[in-house]
Amino acid sequence: MTIHYAPHVSPEACPALVLNADFRPLSYYPLSLWSWQDAIKAVFLDRVNIVSNYERVVKSPSFEMALPSVVSLKTYIKPARHPAFTRFNVFLRDRFTCQYCGDHHDLTFDHVTPRSKGGTTIWENVVAACSACNLRKSDRLPAEVQMFPAQKPFQPSVNDLHQNGRLFPPNYLHDSWMDYLYWDTELDP
């Protein structure tokens, strides 16, 4: 099937915000968005309800459809109790901030107790660190170099990561999404 649309309007600029069946976003950071193709496919497979549409329309010889701007899943997806331990989630927990100097650039992650001294790669022993601080600390304990993390590392909940994700709104938010998103715009990351 070939989809045609007005030449001055690109469907690629029309992602759909994906809400769980309880009308909460599946994720804040990254924001749960689907491409226009995935949103339309989910509509045809009867997996979502259309909550709001763009003014843009796609057409084929047999149908015409406004592009969905907000969809909600018909089946509730229970959020994971514990987020996966990933580099990205460590950075999100630590608000994309070096836990030693407060810088936001060139982040790596640091083992508070170095692996060479028995430290393990777990939530409670890893923090975001800029490259310069990570290099300076090297494989030493915090007390040896007087470098202590701004916050004690901890295993975050999914809610902790959602709360932190709200500190980093995307550059583009469509008006139809605003009733479902709650961004904390008073704090700068």
N, C-alpha and C. Protein backbone atom coordinates (compact mmCIF):
# COMPACT_ATOMS: atom_id res chain seq x y z
N MET A 1 0.85 -1.16 0.00
CA MET A 1 0.00 0.00 0.00
C MET A 1 0.91 1.24 0.00
N THR A 2 0.58 2.20 -0.82
CA THR A 2 1.32 3.45 -0.89
C THR A 2 0.53 4.53 -0.16
N ILE A 3 1.21 5.23 0.73
CA ILE A 3 0.56 6.31 1.47
C ILE A 3 0.99 7.63 0.85
N HIS A 4 0.04 8.49 0.58
CA HIS A 4 0.32 9.82 0.04
C HIS A 4 -0.07 10.85 1.08
N TYR A 5 0.67 11.94 1.10
CA TYR A 5 0.33 13.02 2.02
C TYR A 5 0.69 14.33 1.35
N ALA A 6 0.16 15.39 1.91
CA ALA A 6 0.44 16.71 1.33
C ALA A 6 1.94 16.93 1.26
N PRO A 7 2.49 17.41 0.12
CA PRO A 7 3.93 17.53 -0.04
C PRO A 7 4.60 18.47 0.96
N HIS A 8 3.90 19.43 1.48
CA HIS A 8 4.52 20.38 2.42
C HIS A 8 4.52 19.86 3.86
N VAL A 9 3.94 18.70 4.09
CA VAL A 9 3.83 18.16 5.44
C VAL A 9 4.53 16.80 5.48
N SER A 10 5.46 16.66 6.39
CA SER A 10 6.17 15.39 6.51
C SER A 10 5.62 14.60 7.70
N PRO A 11 5.12 13.39 7.47
CA PRO A 11 4.64 12.59 8.59
C PRO A 11 5.73 12.28 9.61
N GLU A 12 6.99 12.26 9.18
CA GLU A 12 8.09 11.98 10.11
C GLU A 12 8.13 13.01 11.24
N ALA A 13 7.56 14.17 11.01
CA ALA A 13 7.50 15.21 12.04
C ALA A 13 6.28 15.04 12.94
N CYS A 14 5.63 13.88 12.86
CA CYS A 14 4.39 13.64 13.61
C CYS A 14 4.46 12.37 14.45
N PRO A 15 5.34 12.31 15.44
CA PRO A 15 5.35 11.12 16.29
C PRO A 15 4.11 11.11 17.19
N ALA A 16 3.75 9.93 17.65
CA ALA A 16 2.61 9.78 18.55
C ALA A 16 3.12 9.53 19.97
N LEU A 17 2.59 10.28 20.92
CA LEU A 17 2.88 10.03 22.33
C LEU A 17 2.12 8.77 22.72
N VAL A 18 2.82 7.83 23.36
CA VAL A 18 2.21 6.55 23.74
C VAL A 18 1.96 6.55 25.25
N LEU A 19 0.70 6.38 25.59
CA LEU A 19 0.29 6.31 26.99
C LEU A 19 -0.08 4.88 27.34
N ASN A 20 0.14 4.53 28.58
CA ASN A 20 -0.33 3.24 29.07
C ASN A 20 -1.86 3.31 29.16
N ALA A 21 -2.50 2.22 29.50
CA ALA A 21 -3.96 2.21 29.58
C ALA A 21 -4.47 3.13 30.69
N ASP A 22 -3.61 3.51 31.63
CA ASP A 22 -4.00 4.44 32.69
C ASP A 22 -3.74 5.90 32.30
N PHE A 23 -3.39 6.12 31.04
CA PHE A 23 -3.15 7.45 30.47
C PHE A 23 -1.91 8.14 31.02
N ARG A 24 -0.95 7.35 31.48
CA ARG A 24 0.35 7.88 31.87
C ARG A 24 1.35 7.46 30.80
N PRO A 25 2.33 8.31 30.49
CA PRO A 25 3.34 7.92 29.50
C PRO A 25 4.06 6.64 29.94
N LEU A 26 4.39 5.80 28.97
CA LEU A 26 5.16 4.60 29.30
C LEU A 26 6.51 4.97 29.86
N SER A 27 7.06 6.08 29.36
CA SER A 27 8.38 6.54 29.79
C SER A 27 8.47 8.05 29.58
N TYR A 28 9.17 8.72 30.47
CA TYR A 28 9.40 10.16 30.31
C TYR A 28 10.74 10.44 29.65
N TYR A 29 11.73 9.60 29.94
CA TYR A 29 13.06 9.87 29.37
C TYR A 29 13.72 8.55 29.06
N PRO A 30 13.79 8.15 27.85
CA PRO A 30 13.28 8.92 26.70
C PRO A 30 11.75 8.89 26.69
N LEU A 31 11.17 9.93 26.17
CA LEU A 31 9.73 10.04 26.08
C LEU A 31 9.19 8.93 25.19
N SER A 32 8.11 8.28 25.64
CA SER A 32 7.54 7.16 24.88
C SER A 32 6.82 7.69 23.64
N LEU A 33 7.51 7.62 22.53
CA LEU A 33 6.98 8.07 21.25
C LEU A 33 7.08 6.95 20.23
N TRP A 34 6.09 6.89 19.33
CA TRP A 34 6.12 5.98 18.21
C TRP A 34 6.14 6.79 16.93
N SER A 35 6.74 6.23 15.91
CA SER A 35 6.67 6.85 14.59
C SER A 35 5.22 6.81 14.12
N TRP A 36 4.89 7.65 13.13
CA TRP A 36 3.52 7.66 12.61
C TRP A 36 3.14 6.29 12.05
N GLN A 37 4.12 5.57 11.46
CA GLN A 37 3.84 4.25 10.90
C GLN A 37 3.46 3.26 12.00
N ASP A 38 4.24 3.27 13.09
CA ASP A 38 3.95 2.34 14.19
C ASP A 38 2.61 2.66 14.84
N ALA A 39 2.29 3.95 14.96
CA ALA A 39 1.01 4.34 15.56
C ALA A 39 -0.16 3.85 14.70
N ILE A 40 -0.07 4.06 13.39
CA ILE A 40 -1.15 3.62 12.50
C ILE A 40 -1.27 2.09 12.50
N LYS A 41 -0.14 1.40 12.50
CA LYS A 41 -0.16 -0.06 12.56
C LYS A 41 -0.86 -0.52 13.84
N ALA A 42 -0.56 0.10 14.97
CA ALA A 42 -1.19 -0.28 16.24
C ALA A 42 -2.69 -0.01 16.22
N VAL A 43 -3.11 1.07 15.54
CA VAL A 43 -4.53 1.37 15.41
C VAL A 43 -5.21 0.25 14.63
N PHE A 44 -4.63 -0.13 13.49
CA PHE A 44 -5.23 -1.18 12.67
C PHE A 44 -5.22 -2.55 13.34
N LEU A 45 -4.24 -2.79 14.20
CA LEU A 45 -4.20 -4.05 14.94
C LEU A 45 -5.06 -4.01 16.20
N ASP A 46 -5.75 -2.88 16.41
CA ASP A 46 -6.67 -2.68 17.54
C ASP A 46 -5.96 -2.82 18.89
N ARG A 47 -4.71 -2.33 18.96
CA ARG A 47 -3.94 -2.39 20.21
C ARG A 47 -3.99 -1.07 20.99
N VAL A 48 -4.45 -0.01 20.32
CA VAL A 48 -4.47 1.31 20.96
C VAL A 48 -5.78 2.03 20.67
N ASN A 49 -6.07 3.00 21.50
CA ASN A 49 -7.15 3.95 21.25
C ASN A 49 -6.51 5.26 20.85
N ILE A 50 -7.09 5.94 19.88
CA ILE A 50 -6.59 7.26 19.50
C ILE A 50 -7.19 8.26 20.48
N VAL A 51 -6.33 9.02 21.14
CA VAL A 51 -6.76 10.01 22.11
C VAL A 51 -6.84 11.38 21.45
N SER A 52 -5.89 11.66 20.56
CA SER A 52 -5.83 12.96 19.89
C SER A 52 -5.15 12.78 18.54
N ASN A 53 -5.49 13.65 17.59
CA ASN A 53 -4.92 13.59 16.25
C ASN A 53 -4.22 14.89 15.89
N TYR A 54 -3.28 14.77 14.96
CA TYR A 54 -2.71 15.94 14.31
C TYR A 54 -3.72 16.41 13.25
N GLU A 55 -3.50 17.59 12.73
CA GLU A 55 -4.32 18.06 11.62
C GLU A 55 -3.85 17.43 10.31
N ARG A 56 -2.71 16.80 10.32
CA ARG A 56 -2.16 16.18 9.12
C ARG A 56 -2.85 14.86 8.84
N VAL A 57 -3.02 14.57 7.56
CA VAL A 57 -3.75 13.39 7.11
C VAL A 57 -2.87 12.58 6.18
N VAL A 58 -2.98 11.26 6.28
CA VAL A 58 -2.36 10.37 5.29
C VAL A 58 -3.48 9.72 4.51
N LYS A 59 -3.20 9.46 3.24
CA LYS A 59 -4.23 8.89 2.36
C LYS A 59 -3.65 7.74 1.56
N SER A 60 -4.51 6.79 1.27
CA SER A 60 -4.20 5.75 0.30
C SER A 60 -5.42 5.70 -0.62
N PRO A 61 -5.40 4.88 -1.64
CA PRO A 61 -6.57 4.81 -2.50
C PRO A 61 -7.84 4.38 -1.76
N SER A 62 -7.71 3.63 -0.67
CA SER A 62 -8.89 3.10 0.00
C SER A 62 -9.25 3.76 1.33
N PHE A 63 -8.37 4.60 1.87
CA PHE A 63 -8.73 5.25 3.14
C PHE A 63 -8.00 6.57 3.31
N GLU A 64 -8.49 7.33 4.29
CA GLU A 64 -7.86 8.59 4.69
C GLU A 64 -7.89 8.61 6.21
N MET A 65 -6.78 9.03 6.81
CA MET A 65 -6.71 8.99 8.27
C MET A 65 -5.88 10.15 8.79
N ALA A 66 -6.40 10.82 9.81
CA ALA A 66 -5.60 11.83 10.50
C ALA A 66 -4.53 11.10 11.30
N LEU A 67 -3.33 11.65 11.32
CA LEU A 67 -2.25 11.01 12.06
C LEU A 67 -2.49 11.16 13.56
N PRO A 68 -2.40 10.06 14.31
CA PRO A 68 -2.59 10.15 15.76
C PRO A 68 -1.44 10.93 16.41
N SER A 69 -1.77 11.83 17.32
CA SER A 69 -0.73 12.54 18.08
C SER A 69 -0.58 11.95 19.48
N VAL A 70 -1.67 11.35 19.99
CA VAL A 70 -1.63 10.67 21.30
C VAL A 70 -2.44 9.39 21.17
N VAL A 71 -1.84 8.28 21.59
CA VAL A 71 -2.55 7.00 21.64
C VAL A 71 -2.40 6.41 23.03
N SER A 72 -3.40 5.62 23.43
CA SER A 72 -3.30 4.90 24.71
C SER A 72 -3.44 3.41 24.43
N LEU A 73 -2.63 2.64 25.13
CA LEU A 73 -2.70 1.19 24.98
C LEU A 73 -4.03 0.69 25.50
N LYS A 74 -4.56 -0.33 24.86
CA LYS A 74 -5.81 -0.93 25.33
C LYS A 74 -5.56 -1.87 26.50
N THR A 75 -4.37 -2.41 26.57
CA THR A 75 -4.00 -3.32 27.65
C THR A 75 -2.94 -2.66 28.51
N TYR A 76 -3.17 -2.62 29.81
CA TYR A 76 -2.24 -2.00 30.75
C TYR A 76 -0.95 -2.81 30.81
N ILE A 77 0.17 -2.13 30.71
CA ILE A 77 1.49 -2.76 30.88
C ILE A 77 2.00 -2.38 32.25
N LYS A 78 2.16 -3.38 33.09
CA LYS A 78 2.66 -3.13 34.44
C LYS A 78 4.12 -2.71 34.36
N PRO A 79 4.46 -1.54 34.93
CA PRO A 79 5.85 -1.10 34.87
C PRO A 79 6.76 -2.06 35.64
N ALA A 80 7.99 -2.16 35.20
CA ALA A 80 8.96 -2.99 35.91
C ALA A 80 9.14 -2.43 37.31
N ARG A 81 9.35 -3.30 38.27
CA ARG A 81 9.55 -2.84 39.65
C ARG A 81 10.93 -2.21 39.81
N HIS A 82 11.90 -2.81 39.16
CA HIS A 82 13.27 -2.32 39.28
C HIS A 82 13.81 -2.06 37.88
N PRO A 83 14.32 -0.88 37.64
CA PRO A 83 14.87 -0.59 36.32
C PRO A 83 16.14 -1.39 36.07
N ALA A 84 16.40 -1.63 34.80
CA ALA A 84 17.61 -2.35 34.42
C ALA A 84 18.84 -1.52 34.78
N PHE A 85 19.90 -2.19 35.18
CA PHE A 85 21.17 -1.51 35.44
C PHE A 85 21.84 -1.28 34.10
N THR A 86 21.80 -0.04 33.63
CA THR A 86 22.46 0.33 32.38
C THR A 86 23.20 1.63 32.61
N ARG A 87 24.15 1.91 31.75
CA ARG A 87 24.90 3.17 31.83
C ARG A 87 23.93 4.35 31.76
N PHE A 88 22.98 4.29 30.81
CA PHE A 88 22.01 5.38 30.67
C PHE A 88 21.23 5.58 31.95
N ASN A 89 20.75 4.50 32.58
CA ASN A 89 19.96 4.63 33.80
C ASN A 89 20.79 5.15 34.97
N VAL A 90 22.08 4.80 35.03
CA VAL A 90 22.96 5.39 36.06
C VAL A 90 23.04 6.90 35.84
N PHE A 91 23.25 7.32 34.59
CA PHE A 91 23.32 8.75 34.30
C PHE A 91 22.00 9.44 34.64
N LEU A 92 20.88 8.80 34.32
CA LEU A 92 19.57 9.39 34.62
C LEU A 92 19.37 9.49 36.13
N ARG A 93 19.71 8.43 36.86
CA ARG A 93 19.60 8.48 38.33
C ARG A 93 20.39 9.66 38.88
N ASP A 94 21.59 9.88 38.32
CA ASP A 94 22.48 10.94 38.79
C ASP A 94 22.27 12.26 38.06
N ARG A 95 21.16 12.34 37.32
CA ARG A 95 20.74 13.56 36.62
C ARG A 95 21.81 14.08 35.63
N PHE A 96 22.50 13.15 34.99
CA PHE A 96 23.50 13.49 33.98
C PHE A 96 24.50 14.50 34.54
N THR A 97 24.93 14.23 35.78
CA THR A 97 25.84 15.13 36.49
C THR A 97 26.96 14.32 37.10
N CYS A 98 28.20 14.78 36.91
CA CYS A 98 29.34 14.15 37.57
C CYS A 98 29.12 14.26 39.08
N GLN A 99 29.18 13.15 39.76
CA GLN A 99 28.93 13.14 41.19
C GLN A 99 30.12 13.66 42.00
N TYR A 100 31.22 13.98 41.32
CA TYR A 100 32.38 14.52 42.03
C TYR A 100 32.54 16.02 41.84
N CYS A 101 32.28 16.53 40.63
CA CYS A 101 32.50 17.97 40.39
C CYS A 101 31.27 18.72 39.89
N GLY A 102 30.21 17.99 39.51
CA GLY A 102 28.99 18.64 39.05
C GLY A 102 28.94 18.94 37.56
N ASP A 103 29.97 18.55 36.81
CA ASP A 103 29.99 18.80 35.36
C ASP A 103 28.95 17.91 34.68
N HIS A 104 28.50 18.35 33.50
CA HIS A 104 27.48 17.60 32.75
C HIS A 104 28.04 17.02 31.44
N HIS A 105 29.33 17.16 31.20
CA HIS A 105 29.89 16.77 29.90
C HIS A 105 30.84 15.59 30.04
N ASP A 106 30.96 14.84 28.95
CA ASP A 106 31.93 13.76 28.85
C ASP A 106 31.79 12.76 30.01
N LEU A 107 30.55 12.32 30.25
CA LEU A 107 30.30 11.44 31.38
C LEU A 107 30.72 10.00 31.11
N THR A 108 31.21 9.39 32.15
CA THR A 108 31.54 7.96 32.19
C THR A 108 30.89 7.44 33.47
N PHE A 109 31.11 6.18 33.80
CA PHE A 109 30.72 5.82 35.15
C PHE A 109 31.90 5.29 35.92
N ASP A 110 31.85 5.56 37.22
CA ASP A 110 32.96 5.26 38.11
C ASP A 110 32.50 4.28 39.18
N HIS A 111 33.36 3.31 39.47
CA HIS A 111 33.13 2.41 40.59
C HIS A 111 33.66 3.12 41.84
N VAL A 112 32.78 3.44 42.80
CA VAL A 112 33.19 4.14 44.01
C VAL A 112 34.27 3.32 44.71
N THR A 113 34.01 2.06 44.96
CA THR A 113 35.05 1.14 45.39
C THR A 113 35.55 0.47 44.12
N PRO A 114 36.77 0.76 43.70
CA PRO A 114 37.27 0.24 42.42
C PRO A 114 37.21 -1.29 42.34
N ARG A 115 37.02 -1.76 41.14
CA ARG A 115 36.99 -3.22 40.94
C ARG A 115 38.30 -3.85 41.39
N SER A 116 39.41 -3.13 41.23
CA SER A 116 40.71 -3.67 41.65
C SER A 116 40.79 -3.85 43.17
N LYS A 117 39.86 -3.22 43.88
CA LYS A 117 39.83 -3.34 45.34
C LYS A 117 38.58 -4.10 45.80
N GLY A 118 37.99 -4.88 44.90
CA GLY A 118 36.86 -5.73 45.26
C GLY A 118 35.49 -5.12 44.99
N GLY A 119 35.44 -3.92 44.42
CA GLY A 119 34.16 -3.30 44.11
C GLY A 119 33.46 -4.02 42.97
N THR A 120 32.14 -4.03 43.02
CA THR A 120 31.37 -4.70 41.98
C THR A 120 30.56 -3.68 41.19
N THR A 121 30.08 -4.12 40.03
CA THR A 121 29.29 -3.25 39.15
C THR A 121 27.81 -3.42 39.51
N ILE A 122 27.41 -2.70 40.55
CA ILE A 122 26.04 -2.71 41.03
C ILE A 122 25.62 -1.26 41.28
N TRP A 123 24.30 -1.04 41.38
CA TRP A 123 23.78 0.31 41.60
C TRP A 123 24.47 1.02 42.76
N GLU A 124 24.68 0.30 43.84
CA GLU A 124 25.19 0.91 45.07
C GLU A 124 26.68 1.21 45.03
N ASN A 125 27.36 0.90 43.92
CA ASN A 125 28.80 1.15 43.83
C ASN A 125 29.20 1.92 42.58
N VAL A 126 28.25 2.38 41.79
CA VAL A 126 28.57 3.06 40.53
C VAL A 126 27.91 4.43 40.51
N VAL A 127 28.68 5.44 40.08
CA VAL A 127 28.14 6.79 39.93
C VAL A 127 28.58 7.38 38.60
N ALA A 128 27.84 8.38 38.15
CA ALA A 128 28.23 9.13 36.95
C ALA A 128 29.44 9.99 37.33
N ALA A 129 30.42 10.01 36.45
CA ALA A 129 31.62 10.81 36.68
C ALA A 129 32.12 11.33 35.34
N CYS A 130 32.57 12.58 35.32
CA CYS A 130 33.16 13.09 34.09
C CYS A 130 34.50 12.39 33.88
N SER A 131 34.99 12.41 32.68
CA SER A 131 36.24 11.72 32.37
C SER A 131 37.40 12.23 33.22
N ALA A 132 37.46 13.55 33.44
CA ALA A 132 38.57 14.13 34.21
C ALA A 132 38.55 13.62 35.65
N CYS A 133 37.38 13.59 36.27
CA CYS A 133 37.29 13.10 37.66
C CYS A 133 37.56 11.60 37.73
N ASN A 134 37.05 10.86 36.77
CA ASN A 134 37.28 9.42 36.75
C ASN A 134 38.77 9.13 36.63
N LEU A 135 39.44 9.88 35.78
CA LEU A 135 40.89 9.70 35.60
C LEU A 135 41.64 10.11 36.87
N ARG A 136 41.22 11.21 37.49
CA ARG A 136 41.87 11.69 38.70
C ARG A 136 41.70 10.70 39.85
N LYS A 137 40.50 10.16 40.00
CA LYS A 137 40.24 9.20 41.08
C LYS A 137 40.96 7.88 40.81
N SER A 138 41.00 7.49 39.55
CA SER A 138 41.68 6.27 39.11
C SER A 138 41.14 5.07 39.87
N ASP A 139 42.01 4.21 40.36
CA ASP A 139 41.56 3.00 41.05
C ASP A 139 41.75 3.13 42.56
N ARG A 140 41.49 4.34 43.06
CA ARG A 140 41.64 4.59 44.50
C ARG A 140 40.29 4.75 45.17
N LEU A 141 40.29 4.54 46.47
CA LEU A 141 39.08 4.73 47.27
C LEU A 141 38.82 6.22 47.45
N PRO A 142 37.56 6.62 47.64
CA PRO A 142 37.25 8.04 47.81
C PRO A 142 38.07 8.74 48.90
N ALA A 143 38.27 8.07 50.02
CA ALA A 143 39.03 8.69 51.13
C ALA A 143 40.49 8.92 50.76
N GLU A 144 41.04 8.09 49.89
CA GLU A 144 42.44 8.24 49.50
C GLU A 144 42.69 9.52 48.70
N VAL A 145 41.67 9.97 47.96
CA VAL A 145 41.84 11.16 47.10
C VAL A 145 40.88 12.28 47.49
N GLN A 146 40.18 12.10 48.61
CA GLN A 146 39.21 13.10 49.08
C GLN A 146 38.18 13.46 47.99
N MET A 147 37.69 12.44 47.31
CA MET A 147 36.66 12.60 46.29
C MET A 147 35.48 11.73 46.69
N PHE A 148 34.41 12.40 47.16
CA PHE A 148 33.23 11.69 47.63
C PHE A 148 32.05 12.05 46.73
N PRO A 149 31.24 11.07 46.34
CA PRO A 149 30.09 11.37 45.49
C PRO A 149 29.12 12.34 46.19
N ALA A 150 28.52 13.22 45.40
CA ALA A 150 27.55 14.19 45.93
C ALA A 150 26.37 13.47 46.58
N GLN A 151 25.96 12.34 46.02
CA GLN A 151 24.91 11.53 46.64
C GLN A 151 25.40 10.10 46.69
N LYS A 152 25.06 9.43 47.75
CA LYS A 152 25.43 8.03 47.90
C LYS A 152 24.71 7.24 46.81
N PRO A 153 25.43 6.40 46.08
CA PRO A 153 24.76 5.62 45.02
C PRO A 153 23.73 4.67 45.61
N PHE A 154 22.61 4.52 44.88
CA PHE A 154 21.51 3.68 45.35
C PHE A 154 20.80 3.07 44.15
N GLN A 155 20.06 2.00 44.42
CA GLN A 155 19.25 1.39 43.37
C GLN A 155 17.97 2.21 43.24
N PRO A 156 17.76 2.88 42.11
CA PRO A 156 16.56 3.70 41.97
C PRO A 156 15.34 2.85 41.66
N SER A 157 14.20 3.41 41.96
CA SER A 157 12.95 2.78 41.53
C SER A 157 12.63 3.32 40.14
N VAL A 158 11.68 2.70 39.48
CA VAL A 158 11.22 3.21 38.19
C VAL A 158 10.70 4.63 38.38
N ASN A 159 10.01 4.87 39.49
CA ASN A 159 9.49 6.20 39.77
C ASN A 159 10.61 7.23 39.91
N ASP A 160 11.72 6.86 40.56
CA ASP A 160 12.87 7.77 40.68
C ASP A 160 13.35 8.19 39.29
N LEU A 161 13.46 7.22 38.38
CA LEU A 161 13.94 7.54 37.03
C LEU A 161 12.93 8.38 36.27
N HIS A 162 11.63 8.09 36.46
CA HIS A 162 10.60 8.92 35.81
C HIS A 162 10.68 10.35 36.33
N GLN A 163 10.84 10.51 37.64
CA GLN A 163 10.93 11.85 38.22
C GLN A 163 12.13 12.60 37.64
N ASN A 164 13.27 11.94 37.57
CA ASN A 164 14.45 12.59 37.01
C ASN A 164 14.29 12.86 35.52
N GLY A 165 13.62 11.95 34.82
CA GLY A 165 13.39 12.15 33.39
C GLY A 165 12.58 13.40 33.12
N ARG A 166 11.72 13.76 34.05
CA ARG A 166 10.90 14.97 33.89
C ARG A 166 11.75 16.24 33.94
N LEU A 167 12.96 16.13 34.42
CA LEU A 167 13.85 17.29 34.46
C LEU A 167 14.44 17.61 33.09
N PHE A 168 14.26 16.69 32.14
CA PHE A 168 14.88 16.83 30.82
C PHE A 168 13.83 16.74 29.71
N PRO A 169 12.93 17.72 29.63
CA PRO A 169 11.91 17.64 28.57
C PRO A 169 12.56 17.70 27.19
N PRO A 170 11.97 17.01 26.23
CA PRO A 170 12.52 17.05 24.87
C PRO A 170 12.39 18.45 24.28
N ASN A 171 13.11 18.69 23.22
CA ASN A 171 13.07 20.00 22.56
C ASN A 171 11.70 20.29 21.95
N TYR A 172 10.97 19.24 21.60
CA TYR A 172 9.69 19.43 20.95
C TYR A 172 8.60 18.71 21.73
N LEU A 173 7.57 19.44 22.11
CA LEU A 173 6.40 18.85 22.75
C LEU A 173 5.16 19.38 22.04
N HIS A 174 4.39 18.49 21.45
CA HIS A 174 3.18 18.92 20.75
C HIS A 174 2.12 19.34 21.77
N ASP A 175 1.32 20.34 21.43
CA ASP A 175 0.29 20.84 22.34
C ASP A 175 -0.64 19.73 22.84
N SER A 176 -0.96 18.77 21.98
CA SER A 176 -1.90 17.71 22.37
C SER A 176 -1.31 16.78 23.43
N TRP A 177 0.00 16.85 23.66
CA TRP A 177 0.63 15.98 24.65
C TRP A 177 0.59 16.57 26.06
N MET A 178 0.39 17.88 26.16
CA MET A 178 0.62 18.57 27.42
C MET A 178 -0.28 18.11 28.57
N ASP A 179 -1.48 17.65 28.28
CA ASP A 179 -2.36 17.18 29.36
C ASP A 179 -1.87 15.88 29.99
N TYR A 180 -0.92 15.22 29.36
CA TYR A 180 -0.46 13.92 29.83
C TYR A 180 0.98 13.94 30.35
N LEU A 181 1.64 15.07 30.21
CA LEU A 181 3.04 15.20 30.62
C LEU A 181 3.17 16.23 31.72
N TYR A 182 4.00 15.92 32.66
CA TYR A 182 4.21 16.83 33.79
C TYR A 182 5.70 17.07 33.93
N TRP A 183 6.16 18.15 33.33
CA TRP A 183 7.59 18.45 33.31
C TRP A 183 7.91 19.44 34.41
N ASP A 184 9.02 19.21 35.09
CA ASP A 184 9.50 20.13 36.11
C ASP A 184 10.43 21.10 35.41
N THR A 185 9.91 22.27 35.04
CA THR A 185 10.71 23.21 34.27
C THR A 185 11.42 24.22 35.15
N GLU A 186 11.28 24.12 36.47
CA GLU A 186 11.94 25.07 37.35
C GLU A 186 13.37 24.66 37.65
N LEU A 187 13.70 23.37 37.47
CA LEU A 187 15.06 22.91 37.75
C LEU A 187 15.81 22.77 36.45
N ASP A 188 17.00 23.29 36.40
CA ASP A 188 17.85 23.12 35.24
C ASP A 188 18.76 21.93 35.48
N PRO A 189 18.88 21.03 34.50
CA PRO A 189 19.77 19.88 34.67
C PRO A 189 21.22 20.32 34.69
